[in-house]
Amino acid sequence: MASVFTANSSAVLIGGERVGGVRSIDYQHRRAQESVYALGSAERVAVIYGGTSVAGRIIIASASDALDALLASGETFQVVANLSARADLEPERSVAFDGCFMTGKTFALSAGGHAEAVYEFTATRMREEAAA
C-alpha cells in the first residue's frame, strides 16, 4: 500500500538543522536522453542517456535566515526532506540533495495574506530511500 506523506508529519533539514516555516518543497530530477534511429527508418531503435540534473524549490512562510545566508554566501549545502504520514512524526522516506547551491529567491506579500519566500537550488545528486 502506498504511503500518503503529509506536510505536518514531514520535515526539511538544511545542514542537519530543521527549517521552520516550510510550506512545501518540490524538485525535478532530469536525465538527458537522445533517441537513436535505424538508417532509413523513422522508428526509434534505442536510447542513449547522458548527464543528470537536479533543481528544487523550498517555499517558506515569510523568510528563512539560514537560507538567506546560503544565498548570500554561495556556500554548498545539503537538503534532506524526511517524509512521513505517521502521527509520531517518524520519517518513512528520506530524500537527500547533495552538493546544493542556492540559485535564487523570490518574495511575495499579498493583502490579507502572509509573506512567502521561494528559495531555488540546484544539486549535484539526489538520493531517495526508505528511512532507517
N, C-alpha and C. Protein backbone atom coordinates (compact mmCIF):
# COMPACT_ATOMS: atom_id res chain seq x y z
N MET A 1 0.85 -1.18 0.00
CA MET A 1 0.00 0.00 0.00
C MET A 1 0.89 1.24 0.00
N ALA A 2 0.53 2.22 -0.76
CA ALA A 2 1.30 3.46 -0.88
C ALA A 2 1.09 4.34 0.35
N SER A 3 2.15 5.03 0.74
CA SER A 3 2.05 5.99 1.84
C SER A 3 1.66 7.35 1.27
N VAL A 4 0.80 8.04 1.99
CA VAL A 4 0.43 9.41 1.62
C VAL A 4 1.11 10.32 2.63
N PHE A 5 2.24 10.89 2.22
CA PHE A 5 3.02 11.73 3.12
C PHE A 5 2.29 13.05 3.36
N THR A 6 2.37 13.55 4.59
CA THR A 6 1.73 14.81 4.92
C THR A 6 2.77 15.85 5.31
N ALA A 7 2.48 17.09 5.00
CA ALA A 7 3.41 18.18 5.33
C ALA A 7 3.56 18.34 6.84
N ASN A 8 2.48 18.13 7.58
CA ASN A 8 2.54 18.30 9.04
C ASN A 8 3.40 17.24 9.72
N SER A 9 3.58 16.08 9.09
CA SER A 9 4.37 15.00 9.68
C SER A 9 5.78 14.93 9.11
N SER A 10 6.10 15.77 8.13
CA SER A 10 7.39 15.74 7.45
C SER A 10 8.25 16.93 7.86
N ALA A 11 9.54 16.86 7.54
CA ALA A 11 10.46 17.94 7.91
C ALA A 11 11.51 18.13 6.83
N VAL A 12 11.96 19.38 6.68
CA VAL A 12 13.06 19.70 5.76
C VAL A 12 14.24 20.17 6.61
N LEU A 13 15.40 19.56 6.36
CA LEU A 13 16.62 19.89 7.10
C LEU A 13 17.64 20.49 6.15
N ILE A 14 18.32 21.54 6.60
CA ILE A 14 19.43 22.15 5.86
C ILE A 14 20.66 21.99 6.75
N GLY A 15 21.64 21.25 6.27
CA GLY A 15 22.83 21.02 7.08
C GLY A 15 22.52 20.37 8.41
N GLY A 16 21.49 19.52 8.46
CA GLY A 16 21.11 18.81 9.68
C GLY A 16 20.18 19.57 10.60
N GLU A 17 19.89 20.84 10.30
CA GLU A 17 19.01 21.66 11.14
C GLU A 17 17.64 21.79 10.49
N ARG A 18 16.59 21.58 11.28
CA ARG A 18 15.23 21.71 10.76
C ARG A 18 14.94 23.15 10.37
N VAL A 19 14.33 23.34 9.21
CA VAL A 19 13.97 24.67 8.72
C VAL A 19 12.52 24.95 9.12
N GLY A 20 12.30 26.04 9.82
CA GLY A 20 10.96 26.41 10.25
C GLY A 20 10.19 27.12 9.14
N GLY A 21 8.88 27.00 9.18
CA GLY A 21 8.02 27.71 8.24
C GLY A 21 7.93 27.12 6.85
N VAL A 22 8.41 25.89 6.66
CA VAL A 22 8.36 25.28 5.32
C VAL A 22 6.92 25.00 4.95
N ARG A 23 6.51 25.55 3.82
CA ARG A 23 5.16 25.30 3.30
C ARG A 23 5.18 24.18 2.28
N SER A 24 6.26 24.10 1.49
CA SER A 24 6.37 23.00 0.53
C SER A 24 7.80 22.89 0.01
N ILE A 25 8.10 21.74 -0.56
CA ILE A 25 9.35 21.51 -1.26
C ILE A 25 9.00 20.74 -2.53
N ASP A 26 9.61 21.14 -3.63
CA ASP A 26 9.41 20.40 -4.87
C ASP A 26 10.73 20.35 -5.62
N TYR A 27 10.87 19.37 -6.48
CA TYR A 27 12.11 19.22 -7.23
C TYR A 27 11.87 18.53 -8.56
N GLN A 28 12.84 18.68 -9.44
CA GLN A 28 12.85 17.99 -10.74
C GLN A 28 14.19 17.28 -10.87
N HIS A 29 14.13 16.00 -11.17
CA HIS A 29 15.33 15.20 -11.42
C HIS A 29 15.25 14.77 -12.88
N ARG A 30 16.15 15.27 -13.69
CA ARG A 30 16.10 15.02 -15.13
C ARG A 30 17.36 14.31 -15.59
N ARG A 31 17.18 13.47 -16.62
CA ARG A 31 18.31 12.78 -17.24
C ARG A 31 18.25 13.05 -18.73
N ALA A 32 19.38 13.53 -19.29
CA ALA A 32 19.44 13.81 -20.73
C ALA A 32 19.25 12.50 -21.50
N GLN A 33 18.52 12.58 -22.59
CA GLN A 33 18.22 11.39 -23.37
C GLN A 33 18.20 11.74 -24.85
N GLU A 34 18.81 10.92 -25.65
CA GLU A 34 18.78 11.08 -27.11
C GLU A 34 18.27 9.80 -27.75
N SER A 35 17.45 9.93 -28.75
CA SER A 35 16.93 8.77 -29.47
C SER A 35 17.90 8.36 -30.57
N VAL A 36 17.98 7.06 -30.83
CA VAL A 36 18.79 6.51 -31.91
C VAL A 36 17.83 5.87 -32.91
N TYR A 37 18.01 6.21 -34.18
CA TYR A 37 17.12 5.71 -35.23
C TYR A 37 17.88 4.82 -36.19
N ALA A 38 17.20 3.82 -36.72
CA ALA A 38 17.80 2.94 -37.73
C ALA A 38 17.91 3.71 -39.03
N LEU A 39 18.95 3.41 -39.79
CA LEU A 39 19.13 4.06 -41.10
C LEU A 39 17.92 3.81 -41.98
N GLY A 40 17.39 4.86 -42.54
CA GLY A 40 16.25 4.75 -43.45
C GLY A 40 14.93 4.53 -42.74
N SER A 41 14.88 4.70 -41.43
CA SER A 41 13.65 4.46 -40.68
C SER A 41 13.36 5.65 -39.77
N ALA A 42 12.09 5.89 -39.54
CA ALA A 42 11.69 6.94 -38.62
C ALA A 42 11.42 6.38 -37.22
N GLU A 43 11.61 5.06 -37.07
CA GLU A 43 11.36 4.41 -35.80
C GLU A 43 12.58 4.41 -34.91
N ARG A 44 12.37 4.72 -33.67
CA ARG A 44 13.47 4.71 -32.70
C ARG A 44 13.83 3.26 -32.38
N VAL A 45 15.14 2.98 -32.34
CA VAL A 45 15.59 1.62 -32.04
C VAL A 45 16.33 1.54 -30.70
N ALA A 46 16.75 2.68 -30.17
CA ALA A 46 17.47 2.69 -28.90
C ALA A 46 17.44 4.09 -28.30
N VAL A 47 17.92 4.18 -27.09
CA VAL A 47 18.02 5.45 -26.39
C VAL A 47 19.40 5.53 -25.75
N ILE A 48 20.03 6.70 -25.86
CA ILE A 48 21.32 6.94 -25.22
C ILE A 48 21.07 7.96 -24.11
N TYR A 49 21.57 7.64 -22.91
CA TYR A 49 21.39 8.53 -21.77
C TYR A 49 22.65 9.32 -21.49
N GLY A 50 22.46 10.53 -20.98
CA GLY A 50 23.58 11.40 -20.64
C GLY A 50 23.53 11.82 -19.19
N GLY A 51 23.96 13.03 -18.94
CA GLY A 51 24.05 13.56 -17.58
C GLY A 51 22.70 13.78 -16.93
N THR A 52 22.74 13.93 -15.61
CA THR A 52 21.53 14.21 -14.85
C THR A 52 21.62 15.61 -14.24
N SER A 53 20.47 16.19 -13.98
CA SER A 53 20.43 17.48 -13.29
C SER A 53 19.30 17.45 -12.27
N VAL A 54 19.51 18.16 -11.18
CA VAL A 54 18.51 18.24 -10.11
C VAL A 54 18.32 19.71 -9.76
N ALA A 55 17.07 20.14 -9.74
CA ALA A 55 16.73 21.51 -9.34
C ALA A 55 15.52 21.45 -8.42
N GLY A 56 15.52 22.29 -7.39
CA GLY A 56 14.41 22.25 -6.46
C GLY A 56 14.05 23.62 -5.94
N ARG A 57 12.92 23.66 -5.22
CA ARG A 57 12.43 24.89 -4.59
C ARG A 57 11.93 24.56 -3.20
N ILE A 58 12.22 25.45 -2.28
CA ILE A 58 11.67 25.35 -0.92
C ILE A 58 10.86 26.62 -0.69
N ILE A 59 9.59 26.44 -0.38
CA ILE A 59 8.70 27.58 -0.15
C ILE A 59 8.51 27.74 1.35
N ILE A 60 8.81 28.94 1.84
CA ILE A 60 8.82 29.25 3.27
C ILE A 60 7.79 30.33 3.57
N ALA A 61 7.06 30.17 4.67
CA ALA A 61 6.19 31.24 5.15
C ALA A 61 7.09 32.34 5.70
N SER A 62 7.00 33.51 5.14
CA SER A 62 7.81 34.69 5.46
C SER A 62 9.21 34.57 4.89
N ALA A 63 10.20 34.11 5.66
CA ALA A 63 11.57 34.01 5.16
C ALA A 63 12.38 33.10 6.08
N SER A 64 13.57 32.74 5.65
CA SER A 64 14.46 31.88 6.44
C SER A 64 15.84 32.52 6.51
N ASP A 65 16.29 32.83 7.72
CA ASP A 65 17.63 33.41 7.89
C ASP A 65 18.71 32.46 7.38
N ALA A 66 18.54 31.16 7.63
CA ALA A 66 19.55 30.17 7.20
C ALA A 66 19.65 30.12 5.67
N LEU A 67 18.51 30.12 4.99
CA LEU A 67 18.53 30.07 3.52
C LEU A 67 19.01 31.40 2.93
N ASP A 68 18.65 32.51 3.57
CA ASP A 68 19.15 33.82 3.12
C ASP A 68 20.67 33.87 3.21
N ALA A 69 21.23 33.32 4.29
CA ALA A 69 22.69 33.30 4.46
C ALA A 69 23.36 32.46 3.38
N LEU A 70 22.76 31.32 3.02
CA LEU A 70 23.33 30.47 1.96
C LEU A 70 23.24 31.17 0.60
N LEU A 71 22.18 31.92 0.38
CA LEU A 71 22.05 32.66 -0.87
C LEU A 71 23.13 33.72 -0.98
N ALA A 72 23.42 34.40 0.13
CA ALA A 72 24.44 35.46 0.13
C ALA A 72 25.86 34.90 0.04
N SER A 73 26.11 33.76 0.69
CA SER A 73 27.48 33.23 0.77
C SER A 73 27.91 32.43 -0.45
N GLY A 74 26.96 31.78 -1.11
CA GLY A 74 27.32 30.91 -2.23
C GLY A 74 27.91 29.58 -1.79
N GLU A 75 27.84 29.27 -0.50
CA GLU A 75 28.38 28.01 0.02
C GLU A 75 27.53 26.82 -0.41
N THR A 76 28.18 25.65 -0.47
CA THR A 76 27.47 24.42 -0.77
C THR A 76 26.78 23.92 0.50
N PHE A 77 25.67 23.21 0.34
CA PHE A 77 24.92 22.71 1.49
C PHE A 77 24.17 21.45 1.09
N GLN A 78 23.56 20.79 2.08
CA GLN A 78 22.75 19.60 1.84
C GLN A 78 21.33 19.86 2.31
N VAL A 79 20.36 19.40 1.53
CA VAL A 79 18.95 19.45 1.90
C VAL A 79 18.48 18.01 2.10
N VAL A 80 17.79 17.75 3.20
CA VAL A 80 17.19 16.44 3.43
C VAL A 80 15.72 16.66 3.75
N ALA A 81 14.85 15.99 3.00
CA ALA A 81 13.42 16.02 3.28
C ALA A 81 13.04 14.67 3.88
N ASN A 82 12.67 14.67 5.16
CA ASN A 82 12.21 13.46 5.83
C ASN A 82 10.69 13.42 5.70
N LEU A 83 10.19 12.47 4.93
CA LEU A 83 8.77 12.39 4.62
C LEU A 83 8.08 11.37 5.53
N SER A 84 6.89 11.73 5.99
CA SER A 84 6.17 10.84 6.90
C SER A 84 4.67 11.05 6.77
N ALA A 85 3.94 10.01 7.09
CA ALA A 85 2.49 10.09 7.19
C ALA A 85 2.05 9.68 8.59
N ARG A 86 3.02 9.46 9.46
CA ARG A 86 2.76 8.91 10.79
C ARG A 86 2.47 10.02 11.80
N ALA A 87 1.60 9.71 12.75
CA ALA A 87 1.25 10.67 13.80
C ALA A 87 2.43 10.93 14.73
N ASP A 88 3.35 9.95 14.88
CA ASP A 88 4.51 10.13 15.77
C ASP A 88 5.66 10.86 15.08
N LEU A 89 5.46 11.31 13.84
CA LEU A 89 6.42 12.10 13.06
C LEU A 89 7.70 11.35 12.69
N GLU A 90 7.73 10.03 12.88
CA GLU A 90 8.91 9.25 12.48
C GLU A 90 8.98 9.21 10.96
N PRO A 91 10.15 9.54 10.38
CA PRO A 91 10.28 9.54 8.92
C PRO A 91 10.09 8.14 8.33
N GLU A 92 9.42 8.08 7.19
CA GLU A 92 9.24 6.82 6.46
C GLU A 92 10.10 6.78 5.21
N ARG A 93 10.39 7.93 4.67
CA ARG A 93 11.18 8.03 3.44
C ARG A 93 12.04 9.28 3.56
N SER A 94 13.25 9.19 3.03
CA SER A 94 14.18 10.32 3.08
C SER A 94 14.64 10.65 1.67
N VAL A 95 14.57 11.93 1.33
CA VAL A 95 15.08 12.40 0.04
C VAL A 95 16.20 13.38 0.36
N ALA A 96 17.42 13.04 -0.08
CA ALA A 96 18.59 13.88 0.22
C ALA A 96 19.11 14.50 -1.07
N PHE A 97 19.44 15.77 -1.00
CA PHE A 97 20.02 16.52 -2.11
C PHE A 97 21.43 16.91 -1.69
N ASP A 98 22.44 16.39 -2.38
CA ASP A 98 23.84 16.64 -2.03
C ASP A 98 24.44 17.70 -2.94
N GLY A 99 25.43 18.41 -2.42
CA GLY A 99 26.16 19.41 -3.21
C GLY A 99 25.26 20.50 -3.74
N CYS A 100 24.43 21.06 -2.88
CA CYS A 100 23.45 22.07 -3.31
C CYS A 100 24.07 23.47 -3.35
N PHE A 101 23.56 24.27 -4.27
CA PHE A 101 23.89 25.69 -4.35
C PHE A 101 22.59 26.46 -4.53
N MET A 102 22.45 27.55 -3.79
CA MET A 102 21.27 28.40 -3.92
C MET A 102 21.38 29.19 -5.22
N THR A 103 20.31 29.22 -6.01
CA THR A 103 20.33 29.92 -7.30
C THR A 103 19.43 31.15 -7.33
N GLY A 104 18.50 31.27 -6.39
CA GLY A 104 17.64 32.44 -6.42
C GLY A 104 16.61 32.44 -5.32
N LYS A 105 15.98 33.59 -5.17
CA LYS A 105 14.92 33.76 -4.18
C LYS A 105 13.89 34.72 -4.74
N THR A 106 12.62 34.39 -4.56
CA THR A 106 11.55 35.33 -4.86
C THR A 106 10.75 35.53 -3.57
N PHE A 107 10.14 36.69 -3.45
CA PHE A 107 9.42 37.04 -2.23
C PHE A 107 8.11 37.69 -2.63
N ALA A 108 7.03 37.33 -1.94
CA ALA A 108 5.73 37.93 -2.22
C ALA A 108 4.98 38.17 -0.92
N LEU A 109 4.25 39.27 -0.89
CA LEU A 109 3.39 39.61 0.23
C LEU A 109 2.09 40.14 -0.37
N SER A 110 0.99 39.48 -0.04
CA SER A 110 -0.28 39.90 -0.62
C SER A 110 -1.23 40.39 0.47
N ALA A 111 -2.16 41.25 0.07
CA ALA A 111 -3.13 41.80 1.01
C ALA A 111 -3.95 40.66 1.61
N GLY A 112 -4.13 40.70 2.91
CA GLY A 112 -4.93 39.69 3.59
C GLY A 112 -4.21 38.37 3.77
N GLY A 113 -2.96 38.29 3.36
CA GLY A 113 -2.21 37.04 3.48
C GLY A 113 -0.95 37.23 4.28
N HIS A 114 -0.01 36.34 4.08
CA HIS A 114 1.28 36.46 4.76
C HIS A 114 2.39 36.40 3.72
N ALA A 115 3.56 36.80 4.13
CA ALA A 115 4.71 36.78 3.22
C ALA A 115 5.09 35.34 2.91
N GLU A 116 5.65 35.17 1.71
CA GLU A 116 6.11 33.85 1.28
C GLU A 116 7.37 34.02 0.46
N ALA A 117 8.40 33.27 0.81
CA ALA A 117 9.66 33.30 0.08
C ALA A 117 9.86 31.96 -0.61
N VAL A 118 10.32 32.00 -1.86
CA VAL A 118 10.62 30.79 -2.62
C VAL A 118 12.12 30.77 -2.87
N TYR A 119 12.80 29.77 -2.32
CA TYR A 119 14.24 29.60 -2.48
C TYR A 119 14.49 28.51 -3.51
N GLU A 120 15.29 28.82 -4.53
CA GLU A 120 15.59 27.86 -5.59
C GLU A 120 17.02 27.37 -5.44
N PHE A 121 17.23 26.06 -5.67
CA PHE A 121 18.56 25.49 -5.55
C PHE A 121 18.79 24.44 -6.63
N THR A 122 20.05 24.16 -6.88
CA THR A 122 20.44 23.03 -7.73
C THR A 122 21.24 22.07 -6.85
N ALA A 123 21.31 20.81 -7.27
CA ALA A 123 22.04 19.80 -6.51
C ALA A 123 22.87 18.94 -7.45
N THR A 124 23.98 18.43 -6.93
CA THR A 124 24.83 17.52 -7.69
C THR A 124 24.13 16.18 -7.87
N ARG A 125 23.46 15.71 -6.82
CA ARG A 125 22.76 14.44 -6.89
C ARG A 125 21.60 14.42 -5.92
N MET A 126 20.69 13.49 -6.16
CA MET A 126 19.55 13.27 -5.30
C MET A 126 19.51 11.79 -4.94
N ARG A 127 19.27 11.51 -3.66
CA ARG A 127 19.14 10.12 -3.20
C ARG A 127 17.80 9.98 -2.49
N GLU A 128 17.08 8.93 -2.82
CA GLU A 128 15.78 8.69 -2.20
C GLU A 128 15.78 7.26 -1.65
N GLU A 129 15.44 7.12 -0.37
CA GLU A 129 15.47 5.80 0.24
C GLU A 129 14.50 5.72 1.40
N ALA A 130 14.14 4.50 1.76
CA ALA A 130 13.30 4.29 2.94
C ALA A 130 14.10 4.68 4.17
N ALA A 131 13.45 5.33 5.11
CA ALA A 131 14.13 5.76 6.34
C ALA A 131 14.53 4.54 7.16
N ALA A 132 15.66 4.66 7.83
CA ALA A 132 16.18 3.53 8.63
C ALA A 132 15.41 3.35 9.91
